C-alpha atoms as a PDB file:
ATOM      1  CA  MET A   1      -6.936   6.758 -33.175  1.00  0.00           C
ATOM      2  CA  THR A   2      -7.210   9.963 -30.843  1.00  0.00           C
ATOM      3  CA  ARG A   3      -8.969   9.130 -28.005  1.00  0.00           C
ATOM      4  CA  VAL A   4     -12.266  11.397 -26.044  1.00  0.00           C
ATOM      5  CA  LEU A   5     -12.861  11.127 -22.050  1.00  0.00           C
ATOM      6  CA  VAL A   6     -16.835  12.661 -22.261  1.00  0.00           C
ATOM      7  CA  VAL A   7     -17.591  13.330 -18.093  1.00  0.00           C
ATOM      8  CA  GLU A   8     -20.824  14.215 -18.884  1.00  0.00           C
ATOM      9  CA  ASP A   9     -24.742  13.323 -16.705  1.00  0.00           C
ATOM     10  CA  ASP A  10     -26.635  14.001 -19.995  1.00  0.00           C
ATOM     11  CA  PRO A  11     -27.584  11.010 -21.736  1.00  0.00           C
ATOM     12  CA  GLN A  12     -28.617  11.983 -24.533  1.00  0.00           C
ATOM     13  CA  LEU A  13     -25.770  14.796 -24.884  1.00  0.00           C
ATOM     14  CA  VAL A  14     -23.796  12.147 -25.111  1.00  0.00           C
ATOM     15  CA  ARG A  15     -25.410   9.792 -27.451  1.00  0.00           C
ATOM     16  CA  ALA A  16     -25.283  12.855 -30.136  1.00  0.00           C
ATOM     17  CA  LEU A  17     -21.609  13.758 -28.678  1.00  0.00           C
ATOM     18  CA  VAL A  18     -20.662   9.391 -29.038  1.00  0.00           C
ATOM     19  CA  ILE A  19     -22.227   9.337 -32.041  1.00  0.00           C
ATOM     20  CA  ASN A  20     -20.607  12.054 -33.672  1.00  0.00           C
ATOM     21  CA  MET A  21     -16.942  12.019 -32.805  1.00  0.00           C
ATOM     22  CA  GLN A  22     -17.030   8.028 -33.526  1.00  0.00           C
ATOM     23  CA  ALA A  23     -18.380   9.057 -37.234  1.00  0.00           C
ATOM     24  CA  ARG A  24     -15.200  10.725 -37.408  1.00  0.00           C
ATOM     25  CA  ARG A  25     -13.073   8.029 -35.857  1.00  0.00           C
ATOM     26  CA  TYR A  26     -12.223   9.280 -32.160  1.00  0.00           C
ATOM     27  CA  GLY A  27     -12.073   6.822 -29.715  1.00  0.00           C
ATOM     28  CA  VAL A  28     -14.797   7.691 -27.463  1.00  0.00           C
ATOM     29  CA  ASP A  29     -15.063   6.574 -22.832  1.00  0.00           C
ATOM     30  CA  ALA A  30     -18.091   8.397 -21.082  1.00  0.00           C
ATOM     31  CA  ALA A  31     -18.403   8.770 -17.367  1.00  0.00           C
ATOM     32  CA  PRO A  32     -21.708  10.280 -15.847  1.00  0.00           C
ATOM     33  CA  ASP A  33     -20.302  11.590 -13.174  1.00  0.00           C
ATOM     34  CA  GLY A  34     -17.188  12.657 -12.161  1.00  0.00           C
ATOM     35  CA  ALA A  35     -15.332   9.724  -9.531  1.00  0.00           C
ATOM     36  CA  THR A  36     -15.659   7.740 -12.957  1.00  0.00           C
ATOM     37  CA  ALA A  37     -13.914   9.832 -15.104  1.00  0.00           C
ATOM     38  CA  LEU A  38     -10.753  10.386 -12.639  1.00  0.00           C
ATOM     39  CA  ARG A  39     -11.118   6.339 -12.791  1.00  0.00           C
ATOM     40  CA  LEU A  40     -11.157   5.867 -16.863  1.00  0.00           C
ATOM     41  CA  ALA A  41      -9.418   9.303 -16.781  1.00  0.00           C
ATOM     42  CA  ALA A  42      -6.118   6.924 -15.239  1.00  0.00           C
ATOM     43  CA  ALA A  43      -7.106   3.546 -16.801  1.00  0.00           C
ATOM     44  CA  ARG A  44      -7.783   4.984 -20.701  1.00  0.00           C
ATOM     45  CA  GLN A  45      -5.256   7.786 -20.921  1.00  0.00           C
ATOM     46  CA  PRO A  46      -7.587  10.254 -23.214  1.00  0.00           C
ATOM     47  CA  ASP A  47      -5.643  12.715 -25.601  1.00  0.00           C
ATOM     48  CA  VAL A  48      -8.779  14.806 -24.532  1.00  0.00           C
ATOM     49  CA  VAL A  49     -10.888  15.601 -22.242  1.00  0.00           C
ATOM     50  CA  MET A  50     -15.057  16.910 -22.537  1.00  0.00           C
ATOM     51  CA  LEU A  51     -16.059  17.778 -19.284  1.00  0.00           C
ATOM     52  CA  ASP A  52     -19.272  19.195 -17.719  1.00  0.00           C
ATOM     53  CA  LEU A  53     -19.377  21.042 -14.762  1.00  0.00           C
ATOM     54  CA  GLY A  54     -22.723  20.265 -13.298  1.00  0.00           C
ATOM     55  CA  LEU A  55     -21.717  16.091 -12.146  1.00  0.00           C
ATOM     56  CA  PRO A  56     -23.968  14.653  -9.742  1.00  0.00           C
ATOM     57  CA  ASP A  57     -20.852  14.091  -7.180  1.00  0.00           C
ATOM     58  CA  MET A  58     -18.661  16.570  -7.581  1.00  0.00           C
ATOM     59  CA  ASP A  59     -17.659  20.075  -9.750  1.00  0.00           C
ATOM     60  CA  GLY A  60     -16.236  19.974 -13.026  1.00  0.00           C
ATOM     61  CA  VAL A  61     -13.121  22.418 -11.395  1.00  0.00           C
ATOM     62  CA  ASP A  62     -12.669  20.004  -8.271  1.00  0.00           C
ATOM     63  CA  VAL A  63     -12.430  16.990 -11.621  1.00  0.00           C
ATOM     64  CA  ILE A  64      -9.949  19.778 -13.176  1.00  0.00           C
ATOM     65  CA  LYS A  65      -8.175  20.347 -10.529  1.00  0.00           C
ATOM     66  CA  ALA A  66      -7.674  16.475 -10.083  1.00  0.00           C
ATOM     67  CA  LEU A  67      -6.829  15.854 -13.096  1.00  0.00           C
ATOM     68  CA  ARG A  68      -4.052  18.788 -13.473  1.00  0.00           C
ATOM     69  CA  GLY A  69      -2.563  17.074 -10.253  1.00  0.00           C
ATOM     70  CA  TRP A  70      -1.003  15.045 -12.410  1.00  0.00           C
ATOM     71  CA  THR A  71      -1.577  14.919 -16.164  1.00  0.00           C
ATOM     72  CA  ARG A  72      -1.980  18.199 -19.305  1.00  0.00           C
ATOM     73  CA  VAL A  73      -4.294  16.556 -21.122  1.00  0.00           C
ATOM     74  CA  PRO A  74      -6.303  19.054 -22.892  1.00  0.00           C
ATOM     75  CA  ILE A  75      -9.441  20.042 -20.410  1.00  0.00           C
ATOM     76  CA  LEU A  76     -12.327  21.056 -22.890  1.00  0.00           C
ATOM     77  CA  VAL A  77     -15.365  22.721 -20.485  1.00  0.00           C
ATOM     78  CA  LEU A  78     -18.802  22.072 -21.798  1.00  0.00           C
ATOM     79  CA  SER A  79     -21.204  24.335 -19.653  1.00  0.00           C
ATOM     80  CA  ALA A  80     -24.522  26.291 -18.948  1.00  0.00           C
ATOM     81  CA  ARG A  81     -22.668  28.904 -17.001  1.00  0.00           C
ATOM     82  CA  GLN A  82     -22.392  31.568 -19.031  1.00  0.00           C
ATOM     83  CA  ALA A  83     -20.829  34.005 -16.111  1.00  0.00           C
ATOM     84  CA  SER A  84     -17.816  35.225 -16.068  1.00  0.00           C
ATOM     85  CA  ALA A  85     -16.227  33.872 -13.080  1.00  0.00           C
ATOM     86  CA  GLU A  86     -17.348  30.368 -13.496  1.00  0.00           C
ATOM     87  CA  LYS A  87     -15.579  30.833 -16.797  1.00  0.00           C
ATOM     88  CA  VAL A  88     -12.073  31.838 -15.368  1.00  0.00           C
ATOM     89  CA  ALA A  89     -12.009  29.131 -12.106  1.00  0.00           C
ATOM     90  CA  ALA A  90     -12.546  26.834 -14.791  1.00  0.00           C
ATOM     91  CA  LEU A  91      -9.705  28.119 -16.845  1.00  0.00           C
ATOM     92  CA  ASP A  92      -7.513  29.164 -13.701  1.00  0.00           C
ATOM     93  CA  ALA A  93      -8.137  25.224 -12.244  1.00  0.00           C
ATOM     94  CA  GLY A  94      -6.514  24.378 -15.375  1.00  0.00           C
ATOM     95  CA  ALA A  95      -9.210  24.071 -18.537  1.00  0.00           C
ATOM     96  CA  ASP A  96      -7.540  24.359 -22.123  1.00  0.00           C
ATOM     97  CA  ASP A  97     -11.296  25.756 -23.748  1.00  0.00           C
ATOM     98  CA  TYR A  98     -14.916  26.500 -22.152  1.00  0.00           C
ATOM     99  CA  ILE A  99     -17.360  25.998 -24.496  1.00  0.00           C
ATOM    100  CA  THR A 100     -20.934  27.451 -23.592  1.00  0.00           C
ATOM    101  CA  LYS A 101     -24.330  25.605 -24.104  1.00  0.00           C
ATOM    102  CA  PRO A 102     -26.166  24.885 -26.647  1.00  0.00           C
ATOM    103  CA  PHE A 103     -22.963  25.065 -28.938  1.00  0.00           C
ATOM    104  CA  SER A 104     -23.251  23.545 -32.051  1.00  0.00           C
ATOM    105  CA  MET A 105     -21.364  20.313 -33.205  1.00  0.00           C
ATOM    106  CA  ASP A 106     -19.349  22.073 -35.821  1.00  0.00           C
ATOM    107  CA  GLU A 107     -17.781  24.546 -33.422  1.00  0.00           C
ATOM    108  CA  LEU A 108     -16.941  21.834 -31.125  1.00  0.00           C
ATOM    109  CA  LEU A 109     -15.451  19.423 -33.431  1.00  0.00           C
ATOM    110  CA  ALA A 110     -13.199  22.621 -34.518  1.00  0.00           C
ATOM    111  CA  ARG A 111     -11.920  23.215 -30.779  1.00  0.00           C
ATOM    112  CA  LEU A 112     -11.945  19.731 -30.557  1.00  0.00           C
ATOM    113  CA  ARG A 113      -8.967  19.492 -33.127  1.00  0.00           C
ATOM    114  CA  ALA A 114      -7.851  22.513 -32.227  1.00  0.00           C
ATOM    115  CA  ALA A 115      -6.805  21.136 -28.594  1.00  0.00           C
ATOM    116  CA  VAL A 116      -5.553  17.883 -30.445  1.00  0.00           C
ATOM    117  CA  ARG A 117      -3.141  19.974 -32.626  1.00  0.00           C
ATOM    118  CA  ARG A 118      -2.149  21.699 -29.289  1.00  0.00           C
ATOM    119  CA  ARG A 119      -1.028  18.763 -27.708  1.00  0.00           C
ATOM    120  CA  GLU A 120       1.174  17.079 -30.399  1.00  0.00           C
ATOM    121  CA  ASP A 121       2.887  20.173 -31.484  1.00  0.00           C
ATOM    122  CA  ALA A 122       3.565  21.046 -28.158  1.00  0.00           C
ATOM    123  CA  PRO A 123       6.823  19.004 -26.614  1.00  0.00           C
ATOM    124  CA  TYR A 124       6.826  18.435 -23.293  1.00  0.00           C
ATOM    125  CA  VAL A 125       9.641  20.448 -21.553  1.00  0.00           C
ATOM    126  CA  PRO A 126      11.050  19.766 -17.837  1.00  0.00           C
ATOM    127  CA  GLU A 127      10.860  22.270 -15.688  1.00  0.00           C
ATOM    128  CA  ALA A 128      14.341  22.000 -14.336  1.00  0.00           C
ATOM    129  CA  THR A 129      17.099  19.668 -15.775  1.00  0.00           C
ATOM    130  CA  VAL A 130      18.900  19.169 -12.668  1.00  0.00           C
ATOM    131  CA  VAL A 131      16.480  17.963  -9.677  1.00  0.00           C
ATOM    132  CA  GLU A 132      18.011  18.039  -6.279  1.00  0.00           C
ATOM    133  CA  THR A 133      16.664  15.611  -2.969  1.00  0.00           C
ATOM    134  CA  ASP A 134      18.464  15.587   0.327  1.00  0.00           C
ATOM    135  CA  GLU A 135      19.375  12.235  -0.908  1.00  0.00           C
ATOM    136  CA  PHE A 136      20.914  12.206  -4.595  1.00  0.00           C
ATOM    137  CA  SER A 137      20.440  14.307  -7.446  1.00  0.00           C
ATOM    138  CA  VAL A 138      19.317  13.515 -11.143  1.00  0.00           C
ATOM    139  CA  ASP A 139      21.105  15.432 -14.118  1.00  0.00           C
ATOM    140  CA  LEU A 140      18.451  15.291 -17.233  1.00  0.00           C
ATOM    141  CA  LEU A 141      20.364  15.844 -19.921  1.00  0.00           C
ATOM    142  CA  ALA A 142      23.991  14.495 -18.693  1.00  0.00           C
ATOM    143  CA  LYS A 143      21.776  11.161 -18.071  1.00  0.00           C
ATOM    144  CA  ARG A 144      23.213  11.016 -14.095  1.00  0.00           C
ATOM    145  CA  VAL A 145      22.500  10.325 -10.941  1.00  0.00           C
ATOM    146  CA  VAL A 146      25.521  11.189  -8.064  1.00  0.00           C
ATOM    147  CA  ARG A 147      24.212   9.897  -4.704  1.00  0.00           C
ATOM    148  CA  SER A 148      26.770  10.827  -1.489  1.00  0.00           C
ATOM    149  CA  GLY A 149      29.084  12.065  -4.336  1.00  0.00           C
ATOM    150  CA  ARG A 150      29.338   8.874  -6.340  1.00  0.00           C
ATOM    151  CA  ASP A 151      28.031   8.027  -9.777  1.00  0.00           C
ATOM    152  CA  VAL A 152      25.149   5.735  -9.111  1.00  0.00           C
ATOM    153  CA  ARG A 153      24.959   3.029 -12.280  1.00  0.00           C
ATOM    154  CA  LEU A 154      21.591   2.525 -13.523  1.00  0.00           C
ATOM    155  CA  THR A 155      20.701   0.378 -16.870  1.00  0.00           C
ATOM    156  CA  PRO A 156      18.823   1.769 -19.382  1.00  0.00           C
ATOM    157  CA  THR A 157      15.971   0.360 -18.537  1.00  0.00           C
ATOM    158  CA  GLU A 158      15.605   2.019 -14.724  1.00  0.00           C
ATOM    159  CA  TRP A 159      16.817   5.291 -16.488  1.00  0.00           C
ATOM    160  CA  HIS A 160      13.543   4.794 -19.122  1.00  0.00           C
ATOM    161  CA  LEU A 161      11.478   4.632 -15.630  1.00  0.00           C
ATOM    162  CA  LEU A 162      13.306   7.457 -13.653  1.00  0.00           C
ATOM    163  CA  GLU A 163      13.284  10.059 -16.334  1.00  0.00           C
ATOM    164  CA  ILE A 164       9.613   9.400 -16.924  1.00  0.00           C
ATOM    165  CA  LEU A 165       8.515   9.877 -13.116  1.00  0.00           C
ATOM    166  CA  ILE A 166      10.522  12.497 -12.237  1.00  0.00           C
ATOM    167  CA  THR A 167       9.383  15.043 -15.193  1.00  0.00           C
ATOM    168  CA  ASN A 168       5.979  14.019 -14.145  1.00  0.00           C
ATOM    169  CA  ARG A 169       7.214  14.714 -10.740  1.00  0.00           C
ATOM    170  CA  GLY A 170       4.598  14.846  -7.678  1.00  0.00           C
ATOM    171  CA  ARG A 171       2.246  13.652 -10.706  1.00  0.00           C
ATOM    172  CA  LEU A 172       0.717  10.148 -10.499  1.00  0.00           C
ATOM    173  CA  VAL A 173       2.152   8.217 -14.300  1.00  0.00           C
ATOM    174  CA  THR A 174      -0.088   4.758 -14.499  1.00  0.00           C
ATOM    175  CA  GLN A 175       0.673   1.414 -14.834  1.00  0.00           C
ATOM    176  CA  LYS A 176      -0.064   1.709 -18.707  1.00  0.00           C
ATOM    177  CA  HIS A 177       1.736   4.655 -19.499  1.00  0.00           C
ATOM    178  CA  LEU A 178       5.392   3.420 -18.305  1.00  0.00           C
ATOM    179  CA  LEU A 179       4.909  -0.145 -20.071  1.00  0.00           C
ATOM    180  CA  GLN A 180       3.835   1.517 -22.685  1.00  0.00           C
ATOM    181  CA  GLU A 181       6.304   4.062 -22.629  1.00  0.00           C
ATOM    182  CA  VAL A 182       9.203   1.616 -21.724  1.00  0.00           C
ATOM    183  CA  TRP A 183       8.825  -1.569 -23.011  1.00  0.00           C
ATOM    184  CA  GLY A 184       5.731  -1.125 -26.081  1.00  0.00           C
ATOM    185  CA  VAL A 185       3.595  -2.887 -23.711  1.00  0.00           C
ATOM    186  CA  SER A 186       0.095  -2.419 -21.785  1.00  0.00           C
ATOM    187  CA  GLN A 187      -0.645  -5.831 -20.093  1.00  0.00           C
ATOM    188  CA  SER A 188      -2.075  -5.583 -16.938  1.00  0.00           C
ATOM    189  CA  ASN A 189       0.135  -9.333 -16.664  1.00  0.00           C
ATOM    190  CA  LYS A 190       3.374  -7.110 -17.452  1.00  0.00           C
ATOM    191  CA  SER A 191       3.096  -5.255 -14.256  1.00  0.00           C
ATOM    192  CA  ASN A 192       5.079  -7.781 -12.856  1.00  0.00           C
ATOM    193  CA  TYR A 193       8.244  -5.697 -14.943  1.00  0.00           C
ATOM    194  CA  LEU A 194       7.582  -2.748 -12.785  1.00  0.00           C
ATOM    195  CA  ARG A 195       7.801  -3.541  -9.905  1.00  0.00           C
ATOM    196  CA  VAL A 196      10.862  -5.328 -10.190  1.00  0.00           C
ATOM    197  CA  TYR A 197      12.243  -2.015 -11.662  1.00  0.00           C
ATOM    198  CA  MET A 198      10.867   0.000  -9.656  1.00  0.00           C
ATOM    199  CA  ALA A 199      12.549  -1.893  -6.210  1.00  0.00           C
ATOM    200  CA  GLN A 200      15.668  -1.595  -8.553  1.00  0.00           C
ATOM    201  CA  LEU A 201      15.911   1.633  -8.638  1.00  0.00           C
ATOM    202  CA  ARG A 202      14.866   1.778  -4.873  1.00  0.00           C
ATOM    203  CA  ARG A 203      17.412   0.218  -3.655  1.00  0.00           C
ATOM    204  CA  LYS A 204      19.787   2.617  -5.675  1.00  0.00           C
ATOM    205  CA  LEU A 205      18.453   5.922  -4.405  1.00  0.00           C
ATOM    206  CA  GLU A 206      15.939   5.494  -1.336  1.00  0.00           C
ATOM    207  CA  THR A 207      17.743   5.375   2.062  1.00  0.00           C
ATOM    208  CA  ASP A 208      15.328   2.530   3.635  1.00  0.00           C
ATOM    209  CA  PRO A 209      13.691   1.308   0.135  1.00  0.00           C
ATOM    210  CA  SER A 210      11.168  -0.433   2.206  1.00  0.00           C
ATOM    211  CA  HIS A 211       9.075   2.964   2.660  1.00  0.00           C
ATOM    212  CA  PRO A 212      10.455   4.710  -0.097  1.00  0.00           C
ATOM    213  CA  ARG A 213      10.939   8.849   0.014  1.00  0.00           C
ATOM    214  CA  TYR A 214      10.457   9.435  -3.860  1.00  0.00           C
ATOM    215  CA  LEU A 215       9.362   6.697  -5.574  1.00  0.00           C
ATOM    216  CA  ILE A 216       5.987   6.197  -4.081  1.00  0.00           C
ATOM    217  CA  THR A 217       3.199   3.345  -4.993  1.00  0.00           C
ATOM    218  CA  GLU A 218       0.271   4.362  -5.650  1.00  0.00           C
ATOM    219  CA  PRO A 219      -1.849   1.009  -5.334  1.00  0.00           C
ATOM    220  CA  GLY A 220      -3.407  -0.382  -7.961  1.00  0.00           C
ATOM    221  CA  MET A 221      -2.899   3.056 -10.121  1.00  0.00           C
ATOM    222  CA  GLY A 222       0.809   3.237 -10.656  1.00  0.00           C
ATOM    223  CA  TYR A 223       3.646   5.978  -9.535  1.00  0.00           C
ATOM    224  CA  ARG A 224       4.935   9.237  -8.233  1.00  0.00           C
ATOM    225  CA  PHE A 225       8.192  10.931  -7.840  1.00  0.00           C
ATOM    226  CA  GLU A 226       7.985  13.383  -4.660  1.00  0.00           C
ATOM    227  CA  GLY A 227      11.401  15.111  -4.190  1.00  0.00           C
END
């Protein structure tokens, strides 16, 4: 099921969107403000975000920038702002499409389908196949890690975790996403798996595992690779 996060403070519009999308078998979450939207995006990992720019707590462009810090999820802007500069600002911040209110539901759903197709048809390509840090290097194609001139032996699970984090370099990867990708589970009570394997990776790669420089924990949310 394709999951959509609707970020909109107009309850009547939210209701119309939810009814229409659920009738077409989309899963829908709704957030009335930016802060709630960012929490739900991290927790629910939506396939598409529909975002109003005029939110009560923050500008929608700031929400786009925050999302683009860790996810490539398609973002469709729904806004009454018609000025060209407003559209350019949202697209430059990372939005994928801009739909001006009022809009027809048929057009909106067509844009949604197009966003889902683009996401499915565009496999992620890492920016670089070899990642160098001051402490170690990672060759993503050769599946090889070298530290101080010596190969670092990683288990398949350790490698899978490291590969996901590195290919999302600088971005938050949620616990739920890691659990699903590596173990095929999303239950929060399995997060001890992550803690154990992340501790092992830090012992193998970090100079000071108790104060990691590269494998960073975002408390209550997930992990991030910095390097």
